[in-house]
Amino acid sequence: MKNTLCWYCHHAVPTKDKITGEYLTGCAWSIDRSPVEGWRTCQHRIYEAQKGGMIHSYTVTECPEFEEG
């Protein structure tokens, strides 16, 4: 399986402003597991025993919100 672009993205781990609570980093996927509009992916089904069965995962190859970091 190819590496996902997310592993190299500044938005992979959401952070919030301590005063306002607004997200400083993050994307739809890292914040609430919603696909990012406009990304290109390969979707995979993975068995996850802790989640009770099959889950969907993605290998992201292009993303409009990608920022290296």
PDB file of N, CA and C in Angstrom:
ATOM      1  N   MET A   1       0.848  -1.180   0.000  1.00  0.00           N
ATOM      2  CA  MET A   1       0.000   0.000   0.000  1.00  0.00           C
ATOM      3  C   MET A   1       0.892   1.242   0.000  1.00  0.00           C
ATOM      4  N   LYS A   2       0.507   2.227  -0.776  1.00  0.00           N
ATOM      5  CA  LYS A   2       1.240   3.474  -0.916  1.00  0.00           C
ATOM      6  C   LYS A   2       1.050   4.357   0.330  1.00  0.00           C
ATOM      7  N   ASN A   3       2.033   5.183   0.648  1.00  0.00           N
ATOM      8  CA  ASN A   3       1.903   6.124   1.762  1.00  0.00           C
ATOM      9  C   ASN A   3       0.862   7.183   1.428  1.00  0.00           C
ATOM     10  N   THR A   4       0.072   7.558   2.410  1.00  0.00           N
ATOM     11  CA  THR A   4      -0.922   8.605   2.217  1.00  0.00           C
ATOM     12  C   THR A   4      -0.288   9.977   2.409  1.00  0.00           C
ATOM     13  N   LEU A   5      -0.733  10.943   1.628  1.00  0.00           N
ATOM     14  CA  LEU A   5      -0.235  12.304   1.700  1.00  0.00           C
ATOM     15  C   LEU A   5      -0.432  12.893   3.095  1.00  0.00           C
ATOM     16  N   CYS A   6      -1.459  12.438   3.794  1.00  0.00           N
ATOM     17  CA  CYS A   6      -1.788  12.967   5.124  1.00  0.00           C
ATOM     18  C   CYS A   6      -0.626  12.833   6.118  1.00  0.00           C
ATOM     19  N   TRP A   7       0.182  11.802   5.954  1.00  0.00           N
ATOM     20  CA  TRP A   7       1.278  11.590   6.892  1.00  0.00           C
ATOM     21  C   TRP A   7       2.295  12.721   6.868  1.00  0.00           C
ATOM     22  N   TYR A   8       2.274  13.527   5.829  1.00  0.00           N
ATOM     23  CA  TYR A   8       3.246  14.609   5.661  1.00  0.00           C
ATOM     24  C   TYR A   8       2.593  15.978   5.745  1.00  0.00           C
ATOM     25  N   CYS A   9       1.317  16.024   6.161  1.00  0.00           N
ATOM     26  CA  CYS A   9       0.554  17.269   6.125  1.00  0.00           C
ATOM     27  C   CYS A   9       0.495  17.967   7.487  1.00  0.00           C
ATOM     28  N   HIS A  10       0.604  19.273   7.437  1.00  0.00           N
ATOM     29  CA  HIS A  10       0.492  20.143   8.610  1.00  0.00           C
ATOM     30  C   HIS A  10      -0.875  20.000   9.282  1.00  0.00           C
ATOM     31  N   HIS A  11      -1.893  19.638   8.519  1.00  0.00           N
ATOM     32  CA  HIS A  11      -3.262  19.548   9.042  1.00  0.00           C
ATOM     33  C   HIS A  11      -3.639  18.166   9.556  1.00  0.00           C
ATOM     34  N   ALA A  12      -2.695  17.245   9.581  1.00  0.00           N
ATOM     35  CA  ALA A  12      -2.994  15.875   9.998  1.00  0.00           C
ATOM     36  C   ALA A  12      -3.413  15.787  11.465  1.00  0.00           C
ATOM     37  N   VAL A  13      -2.899  16.676  12.294  1.00  0.00           N
ATOM     38  CA  VAL A  13      -3.244  16.679  13.719  1.00  0.00           C
ATOM     39  C   VAL A  13      -3.891  18.028  14.043  1.00  0.00           C
ATOM     40  N   PRO A  14      -5.187  18.016  14.336  1.00  0.00           N
ATOM     41  CA  PRO A  14      -5.878  19.277  14.624  1.00  0.00           C
ATOM     42  C   PRO A  14      -5.371  19.935  15.902  1.00  0.00           C
ATOM     43  N   THR A  15      -5.261  21.259  15.852  1.00  0.00           N
ATOM     44  CA  THR A  15      -4.933  22.037  17.050  1.00  0.00           C
ATOM     45  C   THR A  15      -5.926  23.189  17.149  1.00  0.00           C
ATOM     46  N   LYS A  16      -6.235  23.595  18.377  1.00  0.00           N
ATOM     47  CA  LYS A  16      -7.186  24.676  18.603  1.00  0.00           C
ATOM     48  C   LYS A  16      -6.514  25.843  19.319  1.00  0.00           C
ATOM     49  N   ASP A  17      -7.007  27.027  19.051  1.00  0.00           N
ATOM     50  CA  ASP A  17      -6.594  28.216  19.782  1.00  0.00           C
ATOM     51  C   ASP A  17      -7.091  28.071  21.214  1.00  0.00           C
ATOM     52  N   LYS A  18      -6.228  28.282  22.183  1.00  0.00           N
ATOM     53  CA  LYS A  18      -6.596  28.059  23.588  1.00  0.00           C
ATOM     54  C   LYS A  18      -7.626  29.054  24.101  1.00  0.00           C
ATOM     55  N   ILE A  19      -7.702  30.208  23.474  1.00  0.00           N
ATOM     56  CA  ILE A  19      -8.661  31.223  23.931  1.00  0.00           C
ATOM     57  C   ILE A  19      -9.995  31.118  23.194  1.00  0.00           C
ATOM     58  N   THR A  20      -9.959  31.070  21.877  1.00  0.00           N
ATOM     59  CA  THR A  20     -11.189  31.087  21.087  1.00  0.00           C
ATOM     60  C   THR A  20     -11.769  29.699  20.830  1.00  0.00           C
ATOM     61  N   GLY A  21     -10.936  28.672  20.890  1.00  0.00           N
ATOM     62  CA  GLY A  21     -11.396  27.323  20.586  1.00  0.00           C
ATOM     63  C   GLY A  21     -11.476  27.025  19.105  1.00  0.00           C
ATOM     64  N   GLU A  22     -11.088  27.999  18.264  1.00  0.00           N
ATOM     65  CA  GLU A  22     -11.110  27.791  16.818  1.00  0.00           C
ATOM     66  C   GLU A  22      -9.962  26.876  16.408  1.00  0.00           C
ATOM     67  N   TYR A  23     -10.219  26.077  15.382  1.00  0.00           N
ATOM     68  CA  TYR A  23      -9.165  25.213  14.865  1.00  0.00           C
ATOM     69  C   TYR A  23      -8.114  26.042  14.143  1.00  0.00           C
ATOM     70  N   LEU A  24      -6.856  25.827  14.509  1.00  0.00           N
ATOM     71  CA  LEU A  24      -5.736  26.466  13.832  1.00  0.00           C
ATOM     72  C   LEU A  24      -5.202  25.566  12.728  1.00  0.00           C
ATOM     73  N   THR A  25      -5.219  24.270  12.981  1.00  0.00           N
ATOM     74  CA  THR A  25      -4.844  23.276  11.983  1.00  0.00           C
ATOM     75  C   THR A  25      -5.890  22.173  12.019  1.00  0.00           C
ATOM     76  N   GLY A  26      -5.898  21.405  10.974  1.00  0.00           N
ATOM     77  CA  GLY A  26      -6.860  20.320  10.858  1.00  0.00           C
ATOM     78  C   GLY A  26      -7.602  20.438   9.540  1.00  0.00           C
ATOM     79  N   CYS A  27      -8.265  19.377   9.185  1.00  0.00           N
ATOM     80  CA  CYS A  27      -9.074  19.352   7.974  1.00  0.00           C
ATOM     81  C   CYS A  27     -10.324  18.532   8.289  1.00  0.00           C
ATOM     82  N   ALA A  28     -11.216  18.429   7.326  1.00  0.00           N
ATOM     83  CA  ALA A  28     -12.450  17.674   7.550  1.00  0.00           C
ATOM     84  C   ALA A  28     -12.152  16.238   7.969  1.00  0.00           C
ATOM     85  N   TRP A  29     -11.109  15.644   7.407  1.00  0.00           N
ATOM     86  CA  TRP A  29     -10.771  14.261   7.730  1.00  0.00           C
ATOM     87  C   TRP A  29     -10.180  14.144   9.136  1.00  0.00           C
ATOM     88  N   SER A  30      -9.207  14.985   9.471  1.00  0.00           N
ATOM     89  CA  SER A  30      -8.552  14.848  10.776  1.00  0.00           C
ATOM     90  C   SER A  30      -9.440  15.315  11.925  1.00  0.00           C
ATOM     91  N   ILE A  31     -10.392  16.187  11.642  1.00  0.00           N
ATOM     92  CA  ILE A  31     -11.274  16.686  12.697  1.00  0.00           C
ATOM     93  C   ILE A  31     -12.474  15.773  12.907  1.00  0.00           C
ATOM     94  N   ASP A  32     -13.160  15.396  11.827  1.00  0.00           N
ATOM     95  CA  ASP A  32     -14.380  14.599  12.029  1.00  0.00           C
ATOM     96  C   ASP A  32     -14.541  13.417  11.068  1.00  0.00           C
ATOM     97  N   ARG A  33     -13.451  13.017  10.435  1.00  0.00           N
ATOM     98  CA  ARG A  33     -13.432  11.840   9.544  1.00  0.00           C
ATOM     99  C   ARG A  33     -14.385  11.962   8.359  1.00  0.00           C
ATOM    100  N   SER A  34     -14.599  13.195   7.894  1.00  0.00           N
ATOM    101  CA  SER A  34     -15.363  13.435   6.671  1.00  0.00           C
ATOM    102  C   SER A  34     -14.381  13.643   5.527  1.00  0.00           C
ATOM    103  N   PRO A  35     -14.626  13.044   4.371  1.00  0.00           N
ATOM    104  CA  PRO A  35     -13.709  13.246   3.248  1.00  0.00           C
ATOM    105  C   PRO A  35     -13.545  14.728   2.900  1.00  0.00           C
ATOM    106  N   VAL A  36     -12.347  15.122   2.539  1.00  0.00           N
ATOM    107  CA  VAL A  36     -12.046  16.499   2.150  1.00  0.00           C
ATOM    108  C   VAL A  36     -12.539  16.700   0.715  1.00  0.00           C
ATOM    109  N   GLU A  37     -13.295  17.760   0.502  1.00  0.00           N
ATOM    110  CA  GLU A  37     -13.805  18.039  -0.839  1.00  0.00           C
ATOM    111  C   GLU A  37     -12.646  18.297  -1.794  1.00  0.00           C
ATOM    112  N   GLY A  38     -12.622  17.557  -2.880  1.00  0.00           N
ATOM    113  CA  GLY A  38     -11.609  17.754  -3.904  1.00  0.00           C
ATOM    114  C   GLY A  38     -10.384  16.866  -3.777  1.00  0.00           C
ATOM    115  N   TRP A  39     -10.326  16.008  -2.745  1.00  0.00           N
ATOM    116  CA  TRP A  39      -9.141  15.154  -2.651  1.00  0.00           C
ATOM    117  C   TRP A  39      -9.250  13.984  -3.607  1.00  0.00           C
ATOM    118  N   ARG A  40      -8.111  13.408  -3.951  1.00  0.00           N
ATOM    119  CA  ARG A  40      -8.057  12.184  -4.762  1.00  0.00           C
ATOM    120  C   ARG A  40      -7.533  11.085  -3.862  1.00  0.00           C
ATOM    121  N   THR A  41      -8.258   9.972  -3.864  1.00  0.00           N
ATOM    122  CA  THR A  41      -7.918   8.892  -2.944  1.00  0.00           C
ATOM    123  C   THR A  41      -8.108   7.529  -3.586  1.00  0.00           C
ATOM    124  N   CYS A  42      -7.573   6.544  -2.905  1.00  0.00           N
ATOM    125  CA  CYS A  42      -7.908   5.147  -3.136  1.00  0.00           C
ATOM    126  C   CYS A  42      -8.544   4.691  -1.832  1.00  0.00           C
ATOM    127  N   GLN A  43      -9.763   4.180  -1.902  1.00  0.00           N
ATOM    128  CA  GLN A  43     -10.456   3.753  -0.691  1.00  0.00           C
ATOM    129  C   GLN A  43     -10.149   2.288  -0.427  1.00  0.00           C
ATOM    130  N   HIS A  44      -9.987   1.963   0.847  1.00  0.00           N
ATOM    131  CA  HIS A  44      -9.699   0.603   1.270  1.00  0.00           C
ATOM    132  C   HIS A  44     -10.665   0.220   2.378  1.00  0.00           C
ATOM    133  N   ARG A  45     -10.983  -1.055   2.442  1.00  0.00           N
ATOM    134  CA  ARG A  45     -11.734  -1.575   3.585  1.00  0.00           C
ATOM    135  C   ARG A  45     -10.739  -2.372   4.426  1.00  0.00           C
ATOM    136  N   ILE A  46     -10.738  -2.094   5.711  1.00  0.00           N
ATOM    137  CA  ILE A  46      -9.794  -2.726   6.634  1.00  0.00           C
ATOM    138  C   ILE A  46     -10.583  -3.333   7.784  1.00  0.00           C
ATOM    139  N   TYR A  47     -10.215  -4.548   8.179  1.00  0.00           N
ATOM    140  CA  TYR A  47     -10.851  -5.158   9.341  1.00  0.00           C
ATOM    141  C   TYR A  47     -10.224  -4.571  10.592  1.00  0.00           C
ATOM    142  N   GLU A  48     -11.060  -4.028  11.453  1.00  0.00           N
ATOM    143  CA  GLU A  48     -10.621  -3.413  12.708  1.00  0.00           C
ATOM    144  C   GLU A  48     -11.412  -4.055  13.837  1.00  0.00           C
ATOM    145  N   ALA A  49     -10.816  -5.011  14.518  1.00  0.00           N
ATOM    146  CA  ALA A  49     -11.506  -5.765  15.567  1.00  0.00           C
ATOM    147  C   ALA A  49     -12.033  -4.847  16.668  1.00  0.00           C
ATOM    148  N   GLN A  50     -11.275  -3.832  17.041  1.00  0.00           N
ATOM    149  CA  GLN A  50     -11.690  -2.937  18.119  1.00  0.00           C
ATOM    150  C   GLN A  50     -12.909  -2.101  17.735  1.00  0.00           C
ATOM    151  N   LYS A  51     -13.105  -1.892  16.438  1.00  0.00           N
ATOM    152  CA  LYS A  51     -14.252  -1.109  15.958  1.00  0.00           C
ATOM    153  C   LYS A  51     -15.429  -2.009  15.591  1.00  0.00           C
ATOM    154  N   GLY A  52     -15.251  -3.309  15.698  1.00  0.00           N
ATOM    155  CA  GLY A  52     -16.341  -4.229  15.447  1.00  0.00           C
ATOM    156  C   GLY A  52     -16.516  -4.655  14.006  1.00  0.00           C
ATOM    157  N   GLY A  53     -15.466  -4.597  13.211  1.00  0.00           N
ATOM    158  CA  GLY A  53     -15.596  -5.081  11.839  1.00  0.00           C
ATOM    159  C   GLY A  53     -14.844  -4.241  10.833  1.00  0.00           C
ATOM    160  N   MET A  54     -15.445  -4.128   9.659  1.00  0.00           N
ATOM    161  CA  MET A  54     -14.799  -3.423   8.563  1.00  0.00           C
ATOM    162  C   MET A  54     -14.947  -1.910   8.718  1.00  0.00           C
ATOM    163  N   ILE A  55     -13.872  -1.184   8.431  1.00  0.00           N
ATOM    164  CA  ILE A  55     -13.906   0.275   8.403  1.00  0.00           C
ATOM    165  C   ILE A  55     -13.346   0.723   7.058  1.00  0.00           C
ATOM    166  N   HIS A  56     -13.650   1.941   6.686  1.00  0.00           N
ATOM    167  CA  HIS A  56     -13.123   2.511   5.457  1.00  0.00           C
ATOM    168  C   HIS A  56     -11.906   3.364   5.788  1.00  0.00           C
ATOM    169  N   SER A  57     -10.884   3.218   4.980  1.00  0.00           N
ATOM    170  CA  SER A  57      -9.689   4.031   5.107  1.00  0.00           C
ATOM    171  C   SER A  57      -9.326   4.529   3.712  1.00  0.00           C
ATOM    172  N   TYR A  58      -8.484   5.510   3.642  1.00  0.00           N
ATOM    173  CA  TYR A  58      -8.129   6.114   2.366  1.00  0.00           C
ATOM    174  C   TYR A  58      -6.627   6.305   2.254  1.00  0.00           C
ATOM    175  N   THR A  59      -6.124   6.151   1.051  1.00  0.00           N
ATOM    176  CA  THR A  59      -4.782   6.591   0.719  1.00  0.00           C
ATOM    177  C   THR A  59      -4.978   7.850  -0.106  1.00  0.00           C
ATOM    178  N   VAL A  60      -4.601   8.986   0.450  1.00  0.00           N
ATOM    179  CA  VAL A  60      -4.789  10.266  -0.221  1.00  0.00           C
ATOM    180  C   VAL A  60      -3.586  10.525  -1.119  1.00  0.00           C
ATOM    181  N   THR A  61      -3.857  10.814  -2.399  1.00  0.00           N
ATOM    182  CA  THR A  61      -2.784  11.079  -3.355  1.00  0.00           C
ATOM    183  C   THR A  61      -2.713  12.547  -3.753  1.00  0.00           C
ATOM    184  N   GLU A  62      -3.838  13.274  -3.644  1.00  0.00           N
ATOM    185  CA  GLU A  62      -3.883  14.710  -3.899  1.00  0.00           C
ATOM    186  C   GLU A  62      -4.908  15.318  -2.964  1.00  0.00           C
ATOM    187  N   CYS A  63      -4.598  16.510  -2.419  1.00  0.00           N
ATOM    188  CA  CYS A  63      -5.525  17.177  -1.518  1.00  0.00           C
ATOM    189  C   CYS A  63      -5.369  18.693  -1.647  1.00  0.00           C
ATOM    190  N   PRO A  64      -6.484  19.430  -1.832  1.00  0.00           N
ATOM    191  CA  PRO A  64      -6.402  20.881  -1.954  1.00  0.00           C
ATOM    192  C   PRO A  64      -5.982  21.582  -0.665  1.00  0.00           C
ATOM    193  N   GLU A  65      -6.071  20.902   0.461  1.00  0.00           N
ATOM    194  CA  GLU A  65      -5.703  21.512   1.745  1.00  0.00           C
ATOM    195  C   GLU A  65      -4.304  21.105   2.225  1.00  0.00           C
ATOM    196  N   PHE A  66      -3.576  20.358   1.411  1.00  0.00           N
ATOM    197  CA  PHE A  66      -2.259  19.869   1.823  1.00  0.00           C
ATOM    198  C   PHE A  66      -1.285  21.016   2.036  1.00  0.00           C
ATOM    199  N   GLU A  67      -0.617  21.002   3.185  1.00  0.00           N
ATOM    200  CA  GLU A  67       0.490  21.905   3.500  1.00  0.00           C
ATOM    201  C   GLU A  67       1.564  21.047   4.139  1.00  0.00           C
ATOM    202  N   GLU A  68       2.750  21.049   3.560  1.00  0.00           N
ATOM    203  CA  GLU A  68       3.815  20.217   4.096  1.00  0.00           C
ATOM    204  C   GLU A  68       4.140  20.640   5.518  1.00  0.00           C
ATOM    205  N   GLY A  69       4.324  19.663   6.344  1.00  0.00           N
ATOM    206  CA  GLY A  69       4.670  20.022   7.717  1.00  0.00           C
ATOM    207  C   GLY A  69       4.361  18.943   8.649  1.00  0.00           C
TER     208      GLY A  69
END
